[in-house]
Amino acid sequence: MALLERVGTLLRANLNDLIEKAEDPEKLLKQLVLDMENQLMQVKTQVAIAIADQHVLDKKRKEHEDAVAEWKRKAELAVKKSADDLARGALERSLSSEQMAKGFAQQLEDQKAEAETLKNALRKLEQKLQETRSRCEMMIAQHRRARVVGNAHNAQQAVERKDHAASLTKMRGRIVGAEAANAATSELMSGESLEDKFAVLEREEQIDALLKDLKELHAPRA
């Protein structure tokens, strides 16, 4: 049966191998789930048909078995009435009904076997479908989690770059201010006091420290 062959192909599918070879594993699993759901519906339909046919065959078998008993009863009645011709006719009909009953009995056994095969295929396909659904849901969750982590990492890097730029701007402002103050102090050097001279030295030391910090901030990071 072509249907069972298709189901067998789906059941033999190795999910790990398919996932490793697929360019888009999530898309592949979703399509596989759809294919399995479609095959599952077809198998369910065939199981229902097989069971219905089984009941029909069983009914036919019983009808012919009842006919065998009825024609034997009539043959016995004919013998009692010394109607041998009628008895022979009844026995002929009884044998014919018996053959039909055996034929339907054999068909019934074959139909039961086919129905059982379909039921087993249905159970296995349902298990495989559940497994594939679970794998698909897990992969989707992993994909979404990876995307969230990636977005968070990118956002963190953007914040760090922004903070770094702000620190540089602030440092440059402090240096410019210090240099301006130093220039103004230099213009007044002619009449400066001892305290003023030390203030100039301290200012220059401050500028040197700021410049050192700025260079360290600009230095390549490991």
C-alpha atoms as a PDB file:
ATOM      1  CA  MET A   1       0.000   0.000   0.000  1.00  0.00           C
ATOM      2  CA  ALA A   2       1.433   3.342  -1.109  1.00  0.00           C
ATOM      3  CA  LEU A   3       0.131   5.055   2.022  1.00  0.00           C
ATOM      4  CA  LEU A   4       2.017   2.683   4.316  1.00  0.00           C
ATOM      5  CA  GLU A   5       5.160   3.151   2.218  1.00  0.00           C
ATOM      6  CA  ARG A   6       4.936   6.928   2.683  1.00  0.00           C
ATOM      7  CA  VAL A   7       4.325   6.481   6.399  1.00  0.00           C
ATOM      8  CA  GLY A   8       7.297   4.121   6.595  1.00  0.00           C
ATOM      9  CA  THR A   9       9.497   6.745   4.962  1.00  0.00           C
ATOM     10  CA  LEU A  10       8.447   9.303   7.566  1.00  0.00           C
ATOM     11  CA  LEU A  11       8.966   6.860  10.426  1.00  0.00           C
ATOM     12  CA  ARG A  12      12.453   5.957   9.206  1.00  0.00           C
ATOM     13  CA  ALA A  13      13.465   9.604   8.966  1.00  0.00           C
ATOM     14  CA  ASN A  14      16.352  10.380  11.336  1.00  0.00           C
ATOM     15  CA  LEU A  15      15.635  13.817  12.773  1.00  0.00           C
ATOM     16  CA  ASN A  16      19.234  14.453  13.810  1.00  0.00           C
ATOM     17  CA  ASP A  17      20.551  13.724  10.314  1.00  0.00           C
ATOM     18  CA  LEU A  18      17.865  15.869   8.705  1.00  0.00           C
ATOM     19  CA  ILE A  19      18.591  18.778  11.051  1.00  0.00           C
ATOM     20  CA  GLU A  20      22.346  18.611  10.451  1.00  0.00           C
ATOM     21  CA  LYS A  21      21.947  18.635   6.658  1.00  0.00           C
ATOM     22  CA  ALA A  22      19.215  21.287   6.471  1.00  0.00           C
ATOM     23  CA  GLU A  23      19.987  24.917   5.651  1.00  0.00           C
ATOM     24  CA  ASP A  24      16.976  25.964   7.735  1.00  0.00           C
ATOM     25  CA  PRO A  25      16.311  23.227  10.365  1.00  0.00           C
ATOM     26  CA  GLU A  26      13.345  25.076  11.862  1.00  0.00           C
ATOM     27  CA  LYS A  27      11.609  25.349   8.475  1.00  0.00           C
ATOM     28  CA  LEU A  28      12.363  21.699   7.701  1.00  0.00           C
ATOM     29  CA  LEU A  29      10.885  20.464  10.990  1.00  0.00           C
ATOM     30  CA  LYS A  30       7.755  22.561  10.507  1.00  0.00           C
ATOM     31  CA  GLN A  31       7.271  21.068   7.030  1.00  0.00           C
ATOM     32  CA  LEU A  32       7.900  17.582   8.399  1.00  0.00           C
ATOM     33  CA  VAL A  33       5.216  18.150  11.040  1.00  0.00           C
ATOM     34  CA  LEU A  34       2.759  19.229   8.331  1.00  0.00           C
ATOM     35  CA  ASP A  35       3.573  16.138   6.238  1.00  0.00           C
ATOM     36  CA  MET A  36       3.099  13.867   9.240  1.00  0.00           C
ATOM     37  CA  GLU A  37      -0.200  15.504  10.167  1.00  0.00           C
ATOM     38  CA  ASN A  38      -1.424  14.977   6.598  1.00  0.00           C
ATOM     39  CA  GLN A  39      -0.350  11.324   6.572  1.00  0.00           C
ATOM     40  CA  LEU A  40      -1.855  10.849  10.027  1.00  0.00           C
ATOM     41  CA  MET A  41      -5.264  11.991   8.789  1.00  0.00           C
ATOM     42  CA  GLN A  42      -5.029   9.620   5.820  1.00  0.00           C
ATOM     43  CA  VAL A  43      -4.044   6.685   8.016  1.00  0.00           C
ATOM     44  CA  LYS A  44      -6.921   7.425  10.409  1.00  0.00           C
ATOM     45  CA  THR A  45      -9.304   7.415   7.447  1.00  0.00           C
ATOM     46  CA  GLN A  46      -7.907   4.092   6.203  1.00  0.00           C
ATOM     47  CA  VAL A  47      -8.183   2.574   9.681  1.00  0.00           C
ATOM     48  CA  ALA A  48     -11.846   3.590   9.860  1.00  0.00           C
ATOM     49  CA  ILE A  49     -12.485   2.112   6.398  1.00  0.00           C
ATOM     50  CA  ALA A  50     -10.659  -1.111   7.305  1.00  0.00           C
ATOM     51  CA  ILE A  51     -12.702  -1.529  10.487  1.00  0.00           C
ATOM     52  CA  ALA A  52     -15.941  -0.845   8.597  1.00  0.00           C
ATOM     53  CA  ASP A  53     -15.009  -3.434   5.934  1.00  0.00           C
ATOM     54  CA  GLN A  54     -14.164  -5.856   8.712  1.00  0.00           C
ATOM     55  CA  HIS A  55     -17.679  -5.535  10.130  1.00  0.00           C
ATOM     56  CA  VAL A  56     -19.212  -6.052   6.666  1.00  0.00           C
ATOM     57  CA  LEU A  57     -17.181  -9.226   6.073  1.00  0.00           C
ATOM     58  CA  ASP A  58     -18.055 -10.562   9.514  1.00  0.00           C
ATOM     59  CA  LYS A  59     -21.733  -9.946   8.836  1.00  0.00           C
ATOM     60  CA  LYS A  60     -21.527 -11.781   5.485  1.00  0.00           C
ATOM     61  CA  ARG A  61     -19.735 -14.703   7.130  1.00  0.00           C
ATOM     62  CA  LYS A  62     -22.450 -15.030   9.770  1.00  0.00           C
ATOM     63  CA  GLU A  63     -25.196 -14.826   7.153  1.00  0.00           C
ATOM     64  CA  HIS A  64     -23.712 -17.733   5.179  1.00  0.00           C
ATOM     65  CA  GLU A  65     -23.061 -19.765   8.332  1.00  0.00           C
ATOM     66  CA  ASP A  66     -26.712 -19.271   9.287  1.00  0.00           C
ATOM     67  CA  ALA A  67     -27.675 -20.322   5.743  1.00  0.00           C
ATOM     68  CA  VAL A  68     -25.644 -23.531   6.125  1.00  0.00           C
ATOM     69  CA  ALA A  69     -27.545 -24.407   9.288  1.00  0.00           C
ATOM     70  CA  GLU A  70     -30.895 -23.521   7.689  1.00  0.00           C
ATOM     71  CA  TRP A  71     -30.335 -25.650   4.547  1.00  0.00           C
ATOM     72  CA  LYS A  72     -29.202 -28.585   6.669  1.00  0.00           C
ATOM     73  CA  ARG A  73     -32.391 -28.279   8.694  1.00  0.00           C
ATOM     74  CA  LYS A  74     -34.430 -28.319   5.468  1.00  0.00           C
ATOM     75  CA  ALA A  75     -32.499 -31.319   4.158  1.00  0.00           C
ATOM     76  CA  GLU A  76     -33.301 -33.226   7.354  1.00  0.00           C
ATOM     77  CA  LEU A  77     -36.969 -32.302   6.986  1.00  0.00           C
ATOM     78  CA  ALA A  78     -37.003 -33.515   3.372  1.00  0.00           C
ATOM     79  CA  VAL A  79     -35.415 -36.821   4.392  1.00  0.00           C
ATOM     80  CA  LYS A  80     -38.085 -37.304   7.039  1.00  0.00           C
ATOM     81  CA  LYS A  81     -40.725 -36.770   4.371  1.00  0.00           C
ATOM     82  CA  SER A  82     -38.905 -39.131   2.012  1.00  0.00           C
ATOM     83  CA  ALA A  83     -38.322 -36.248  -0.411  1.00  0.00           C
ATOM     84  CA  ASP A  84     -34.818 -37.206  -1.452  1.00  0.00           C
ATOM     85  CA  ASP A  85     -34.680 -34.791  -4.370  1.00  0.00           C
ATOM     86  CA  LEU A  86     -35.511 -31.881  -2.069  1.00  0.00           C
ATOM     87  CA  ALA A  87     -32.983 -33.161   0.447  1.00  0.00           C
ATOM     88  CA  ARG A  88     -30.255 -33.291  -2.222  1.00  0.00           C
ATOM     89  CA  GLY A  89     -31.102 -29.760  -3.332  1.00  0.00           C
ATOM     90  CA  ALA A  90     -30.985 -28.497   0.246  1.00  0.00           C
ATOM     91  CA  LEU A  91     -27.631 -30.188   0.861  1.00  0.00           C
ATOM     92  CA  GLU A  92     -26.274 -28.637  -2.340  1.00  0.00           C
ATOM     93  CA  ARG A  93     -27.306 -25.199  -1.134  1.00  0.00           C
ATOM     94  CA  SER A  94     -25.812 -25.950   2.287  1.00  0.00           C
ATOM     95  CA  LEU A  95     -22.427 -26.845   0.766  1.00  0.00           C
ATOM     96  CA  SER A  96     -22.484 -23.713  -1.383  1.00  0.00           C
ATOM     97  CA  SER A  97     -23.241 -21.531   1.654  1.00  0.00           C
ATOM     98  CA  GLU A  98     -20.492 -23.280   3.605  1.00  0.00           C
ATOM     99  CA  GLN A  99     -17.946 -22.435   0.898  1.00  0.00           C
ATOM    100  CA  MET A 100     -19.082 -18.818   0.910  1.00  0.00           C
ATOM    101  CA  ALA A 101     -18.837 -18.694   4.701  1.00  0.00           C
ATOM    102  CA  LYS A 102     -15.252 -20.020   4.571  1.00  0.00           C
ATOM    103  CA  GLY A 103     -14.354 -17.494   1.869  1.00  0.00           C
ATOM    104  CA  PHE A 104     -15.694 -14.592   3.901  1.00  0.00           C
ATOM    105  CA  ALA A 105     -13.983 -15.967   7.023  1.00  0.00           C
ATOM    106  CA  GLN A 106     -10.628 -15.896   5.200  1.00  0.00           C
ATOM    107  CA  GLN A 107     -11.265 -12.368   3.922  1.00  0.00           C
ATOM    108  CA  LEU A 108     -12.194 -11.364   7.454  1.00  0.00           C
ATOM    109  CA  GLU A 109      -8.858 -12.640   8.808  1.00  0.00           C
ATOM    110  CA  ASP A 110      -6.973 -10.809   6.071  1.00  0.00           C
ATOM    111  CA  GLN A 111      -8.915  -7.645   6.799  1.00  0.00           C
ATOM    112  CA  LYS A 112      -8.193  -7.929  10.523  1.00  0.00           C
ATOM    113  CA  ALA A 113      -4.470  -8.228   9.771  1.00  0.00           C
ATOM    114  CA  GLU A 114      -4.595  -5.194   7.476  1.00  0.00           C
ATOM    115  CA  ALA A 115      -6.528  -3.177  10.057  1.00  0.00           C
ATOM    116  CA  GLU A 116      -3.993  -4.124  12.745  1.00  0.00           C
ATOM    117  CA  THR A 117      -1.127  -3.088  10.470  1.00  0.00           C
ATOM    118  CA  LEU A 118      -2.785   0.275   9.902  1.00  0.00           C
ATOM    119  CA  LYS A 119      -3.411   0.704  13.635  1.00  0.00           C
ATOM    120  CA  ASN A 120       0.259   0.007  14.408  1.00  0.00           C
ATOM    121  CA  ALA A 121       1.327   2.481  11.731  1.00  0.00           C
ATOM    122  CA  LEU A 122      -1.062   5.028  13.215  1.00  0.00           C
ATOM    123  CA  ARG A 123       0.364   4.604  16.725  1.00  0.00           C
ATOM    124  CA  LYS A 124       3.960   4.877  15.507  1.00  0.00           C
ATOM    125  CA  LEU A 125       3.169   7.900  13.368  1.00  0.00           C
ATOM    126  CA  GLU A 126       1.473   9.609  16.316  1.00  0.00           C
ATOM    127  CA  GLN A 127       4.588   8.999  18.450  1.00  0.00           C
ATOM    128  CA  LYS A 128       6.884  10.271  15.691  1.00  0.00           C
ATOM    129  CA  LEU A 129       4.687  13.313  15.188  1.00  0.00           C
ATOM    130  CA  GLN A 130       4.813  14.136  18.905  1.00  0.00           C
ATOM    131  CA  GLU A 131       8.597  13.733  18.894  1.00  0.00           C
ATOM    132  CA  THR A 132       8.955  15.986  15.853  1.00  0.00           C
ATOM    133  CA  ARG A 133       6.635  18.610  17.342  1.00  0.00           C
ATOM    134  CA  SER A 134       8.685  18.644  20.544  1.00  0.00           C
ATOM    135  CA  ARG A 135      11.953  18.992  18.621  1.00  0.00           C
ATOM    136  CA  CYS A 136      10.454  21.769  16.518  1.00  0.00           C
ATOM    137  CA  GLU A 137       9.235  23.666  19.589  1.00  0.00           C
ATOM    138  CA  MET A 138      12.640  23.218  21.255  1.00  0.00           C
ATOM    139  CA  MET A 139      14.509  24.506  18.198  1.00  0.00           C
ATOM    140  CA  ILE A 140      12.208  27.512  17.867  1.00  0.00           C
ATOM    141  CA  ALA A 141      12.767  28.322  21.558  1.00  0.00           C
ATOM    142  CA  GLN A 142      16.544  27.961  21.150  1.00  0.00           C
ATOM    143  CA  HIS A 143      16.508  30.175  18.061  1.00  0.00           C
ATOM    144  CA  ARG A 144      14.488  32.862  19.820  1.00  0.00           C
ATOM    145  CA  ARG A 145      16.695  32.670  22.921  1.00  0.00           C
ATOM    146  CA  ALA A 146      19.843  33.010  20.806  1.00  0.00           C
ATOM    147  CA  ARG A 147      18.324  35.993  19.022  1.00  0.00           C
ATOM    148  CA  VAL A 148      17.459  37.675  22.346  1.00  0.00           C
ATOM    149  CA  VAL A 149      20.973  37.046  23.695  1.00  0.00           C
ATOM    150  CA  GLY A 150      22.470  38.435  20.492  1.00  0.00           C
ATOM    151  CA  ASN A 151      20.328  41.554  20.664  1.00  0.00           C
ATOM    152  CA  ALA A 152      21.256  42.059  24.323  1.00  0.00           C
ATOM    153  CA  HIS A 153      24.959  41.684  23.503  1.00  0.00           C
ATOM    154  CA  ASN A 154      24.703  44.207  20.672  1.00  0.00           C
ATOM    155  CA  ALA A 155      22.850  46.631  22.926  1.00  0.00           C
ATOM    156  CA  GLN A 156      25.500  46.255  25.637  1.00  0.00           C
ATOM    157  CA  GLN A 157      28.279  46.963  23.141  1.00  0.00           C
ATOM    158  CA  ALA A 158      26.430  50.052  21.927  1.00  0.00           C
ATOM    159  CA  VAL A 159      26.091  51.331  25.505  1.00  0.00           C
ATOM    160  CA  GLU A 160      29.781  50.683  26.185  1.00  0.00           C
ATOM    161  CA  ARG A 161      30.767  52.576  23.030  1.00  0.00           C
ATOM    162  CA  LYS A 162      28.508  55.464  24.042  1.00  0.00           C
ATOM    163  CA  ASP A 163      29.972  55.571  27.564  1.00  0.00           C
ATOM    164  CA  HIS A 164      33.500  55.450  26.157  1.00  0.00           C
ATOM    165  CA  ALA A 165      32.787  58.351  23.788  1.00  0.00           C
ATOM    166  CA  ALA A 166      31.262  60.372  26.623  1.00  0.00           C
ATOM    167  CA  SER A 167      34.345  59.774  28.786  1.00  0.00           C
ATOM    168  CA  LEU A 168      36.624  60.975  26.002  1.00  0.00           C
ATOM    169  CA  THR A 169      34.545  64.112  25.472  1.00  0.00           C
ATOM    170  CA  LYS A 170      34.558  64.877  29.185  1.00  0.00           C
ATOM    171  CA  MET A 171      38.317  64.338  29.432  1.00  0.00           C
ATOM    172  CA  ARG A 172      38.996  66.582  26.445  1.00  0.00           C
ATOM    173  CA  GLY A 173      36.879  69.305  28.050  1.00  0.00           C
ATOM    174  CA  ARG A 174      38.865  69.103  31.255  1.00  0.00           C
ATOM    175  CA  ILE A 175      42.176  69.340  29.378  1.00  0.00           C
ATOM    176  CA  VAL A 176      41.028  72.312  27.309  1.00  0.00           C
ATOM    177  CA  GLY A 177      39.899  74.072  30.485  1.00  0.00           C
ATOM    178  CA  ALA A 178      43.182  73.329  32.189  1.00  0.00           C
ATOM    179  CA  GLU A 179      45.196  74.585  29.221  1.00  0.00           C
ATOM    180  CA  ALA A 180      43.183  77.810  29.085  1.00  0.00           C
ATOM    181  CA  ALA A 181      43.755  78.404  32.775  1.00  0.00           C
ATOM    182  CA  ASN A 182      47.456  77.723  32.330  1.00  0.00           C
ATOM    183  CA  ALA A 183      47.671  80.210  29.446  1.00  0.00           C
ATOM    184  CA  ALA A 184      45.974  82.875  31.511  1.00  0.00           C
ATOM    185  CA  THR A 185      48.356  82.203  34.372  1.00  0.00           C
ATOM    186  CA  SER A 186      51.367  82.503  32.080  1.00  0.00           C
ATOM    187  CA  GLU A 187      50.327  85.997  31.021  1.00  0.00           C
ATOM    188  CA  LEU A 188      50.504  87.100  34.646  1.00  0.00           C
ATOM    189  CA  MET A 189      53.902  85.520  35.364  1.00  0.00           C
ATOM    190  CA  SER A 190      55.730  88.882  35.452  1.00  0.00           C
ATOM    191  CA  GLY A 191      54.212  89.944  38.746  1.00  0.00           C
ATOM    192  CA  GLU A 192      53.397  86.583  40.294  1.00  0.00           C
ATOM    193  CA  SER A 193      54.116  85.704  43.911  1.00  0.00           C
ATOM    194  CA  LEU A 194      55.741  82.545  45.317  1.00  0.00           C
ATOM    195  CA  GLU A 195      52.283  81.060  45.859  1.00  0.00           C
ATOM    196  CA  ASP A 196      51.419  81.810  42.230  1.00  0.00           C
ATOM    197  CA  LYS A 197      54.535  79.997  41.028  1.00  0.00           C
ATOM    198  CA  PHE A 198      53.591  76.883  43.018  1.00  0.00           C
ATOM    199  CA  ALA A 199      50.052  77.140  41.661  1.00  0.00           C
ATOM    200  CA  VAL A 200      51.474  77.115  38.129  1.00  0.00           C
ATOM    201  CA  LEU A 201      53.576  74.042  38.920  1.00  0.00           C
ATOM    202  CA  GLU A 202      50.559  72.246  40.401  1.00  0.00           C
ATOM    203  CA  ARG A 203      48.488  73.199  37.365  1.00  0.00           C
ATOM    204  CA  GLU A 204      51.098  71.782  35.007  1.00  0.00           C
ATOM    205  CA  GLU A 205      51.235  68.604  37.083  1.00  0.00           C
ATOM    206  CA  GLN A 206      47.454  68.346  36.864  1.00  0.00           C
ATOM    207  CA  ILE A 207      47.601  68.768  33.078  1.00  0.00           C
ATOM    208  CA  ASP A 208      50.292  66.074  32.840  1.00  0.00           C
ATOM    209  CA  ALA A 209      48.076  63.689  34.856  1.00  0.00           C
ATOM    210  CA  LEU A 210      45.051  64.416  32.696  1.00  0.00           C
ATOM    211  CA  LEU A 211      47.099  63.886  29.535  1.00  0.00           C
ATOM    212  CA  LYS A 212      48.357  60.575  30.882  1.00  0.00           C
ATOM    213  CA  ASP A 213      44.776  59.459  31.632  1.00  0.00           C
ATOM    214  CA  LEU A 214      43.678  60.447  28.138  1.00  0.00           C
ATOM    215  CA  LYS A 215      46.502  58.477  26.530  1.00  0.00           C
ATOM    216  CA  GLU A 216      45.619  55.422  28.607  1.00  0.00           C
ATOM    217  CA  LEU A 217      41.986  55.774  27.573  1.00  0.00           C
ATOM    218  CA  HIS A 218      43.040  55.923  23.907  1.00  0.00           C
ATOM    219  CA  ALA A 219      45.421  52.986  24.205  1.00  0.00           C
ATOM    220  CA  PRO A 220      44.289  49.858  22.244  1.00  0.00           C
ATOM    221  CA  ARG A 221      42.378  47.395  24.378  1.00  0.00           C
ATOM    222  CA  ALA A 222      43.519  43.763  24.598  1.00  0.00           C
END
